[in-house]
C-alpha atoms as a PDB file:
ATOM      1  CA  MET A   1      18.409   0.543  19.037  1.00  0.00           C
ATOM      2  CA  THR A   2      18.903  -2.327  21.423  1.00  0.00           C
ATOM      3  CA  ASP A   3      17.615  -5.861  20.938  1.00  0.00           C
ATOM      4  CA  ALA A   4      14.782  -5.193  23.382  1.00  0.00           C
ATOM      5  CA  GLU A   5      13.542  -2.305  21.222  1.00  0.00           C
ATOM      6  CA  GLN A   6      13.457  -4.226  17.955  1.00  0.00           C
ATOM      7  CA  THR A   7      10.142  -5.340  16.531  1.00  0.00           C
ATOM      8  CA  PRO A   8       9.658  -9.099  16.871  1.00  0.00           C
ATOM      9  CA  ALA A   9       9.713 -11.102  13.632  1.00  0.00           C
ATOM     10  CA  ARG A  10       6.295 -11.917  12.215  1.00  0.00           C
ATOM     11  CA  ASP A  11       5.159 -14.393   9.605  1.00  0.00           C
ATOM     12  CA  ASP A  12       2.253 -12.250   8.391  1.00  0.00           C
ATOM     13  CA  GLU A  13       1.436 -12.459   4.722  1.00  0.00           C
ATOM     14  CA  LEU A  14       0.693  -9.118   3.108  1.00  0.00           C
ATOM     15  CA  THR A  15      -0.991  -8.692  -0.240  1.00  0.00           C
ATOM     16  CA  SER A  16      -0.769  -5.745  -2.593  1.00  0.00           C
ATOM     17  CA  HIS A  17      -2.950  -4.546  -5.424  1.00  0.00           C
ATOM     18  CA  GLY A  18      -2.501  -1.748  -7.938  1.00  0.00           C
ATOM     19  CA  TYR A  19      -5.477   0.223  -9.190  1.00  0.00           C
ATOM     20  CA  HIS A  20      -6.085   2.714 -11.989  1.00  0.00           C
ATOM     21  CA  ILE A  21      -9.042   4.749 -10.778  1.00  0.00           C
ATOM     22  CA  THR A  22     -11.031   6.984 -13.116  1.00  0.00           C
ATOM     23  CA  LEU A  23     -13.373   9.784 -12.108  1.00  0.00           C
ATOM     24  CA  ASP A  24     -15.784  12.168 -13.800  1.00  0.00           C
ATOM     25  CA  ASP A  25     -16.677   9.813 -16.656  1.00  0.00           C
ATOM     26  CA  GLY A  26     -12.986   9.251 -17.465  1.00  0.00           C
ATOM     27  CA  ARG A  27     -11.921  12.925 -17.465  1.00  0.00           C
ATOM     28  CA  ASP A  28      -9.613  12.397 -14.486  1.00  0.00           C
ATOM     29  CA  SER A  29      -7.706   9.356 -13.291  1.00  0.00           C
ATOM     30  CA  PHE A  30      -4.971   8.324 -10.887  1.00  0.00           C
ATOM     31  CA  PHE A  31      -3.046   5.257  -9.809  1.00  0.00           C
ATOM     32  CA  ALA A  32      -3.300   3.790  -6.313  1.00  0.00           C
ATOM     33  CA  LEU A  33      -1.480   1.060  -4.406  1.00  0.00           C
ATOM     34  CA  SER A  34      -3.084  -0.951  -1.616  1.00  0.00           C
ATOM     35  CA  ILE A  35      -1.140  -3.092   0.879  1.00  0.00           C
ATOM     36  CA  GLU A  36      -3.295  -5.290   3.107  1.00  0.00           C
ATOM     37  CA  ASP A  37      -3.173  -7.929   5.828  1.00  0.00           C
ATOM     38  CA  GLN A  38      -5.931 -10.304   4.730  1.00  0.00           C
ATOM     39  CA  ARG A  39      -6.534 -11.507   8.305  1.00  0.00           C
ATOM     40  CA  SER A  40      -7.582  -8.059   9.577  1.00  0.00           C
ATOM     41  CA  ASP A  41     -10.123  -5.588   8.216  1.00  0.00           C
ATOM     42  CA  ASP A  42      -8.263  -2.797  10.027  1.00  0.00           C
ATOM     43  CA  ALA A  43      -4.721  -3.499   8.723  1.00  0.00           C
ATOM     44  CA  TRP A  44      -4.348  -1.807   5.351  1.00  0.00           C
ATOM     45  CA  LEU A  45      -2.595   1.082   3.668  1.00  0.00           C
ATOM     46  CA  MET A  46      -3.615   2.799   0.452  1.00  0.00           C
ATOM     47  CA  SER A  47      -1.582   5.434  -1.309  1.00  0.00           C
ATOM     48  CA  ASP A  48      -2.299   7.501  -4.391  1.00  0.00           C
ATOM     49  CA  THR A  49       0.980   9.442  -4.274  1.00  0.00           C
ATOM     50  CA  VAL A  50       3.249   7.148  -6.306  1.00  0.00           C
ATOM     51  CA  ARG A  51       2.651   6.149  -9.910  1.00  0.00           C
ATOM     52  CA  ALA A  52       5.825   4.111 -10.296  1.00  0.00           C
ATOM     53  CA  LEU A  53       8.743   3.272  -8.037  1.00  0.00           C
ATOM     54  CA  ASP A  54      11.237   4.909 -10.418  1.00  0.00           C
ATOM     55  CA  GLU A  55       9.329   8.210 -10.043  1.00  0.00           C
ATOM     56  CA  MET A  56      10.176   8.299  -6.307  1.00  0.00           C
ATOM     57  CA  ARG A  57      13.741   9.449  -7.035  1.00  0.00           C
END
């Protein structure tokens, strides 16, 4: 990658939130992680695939 192809540095502040979501009156549940740019309603990512970082190994 050359310098021209690199993404410019940004000072954006991202926030993250962890959720424990329950369904079916508590019979099923999962963990979710949300990463958001608070200045944009369209800039967010939510994942329910990882319960803990150490489980990614």
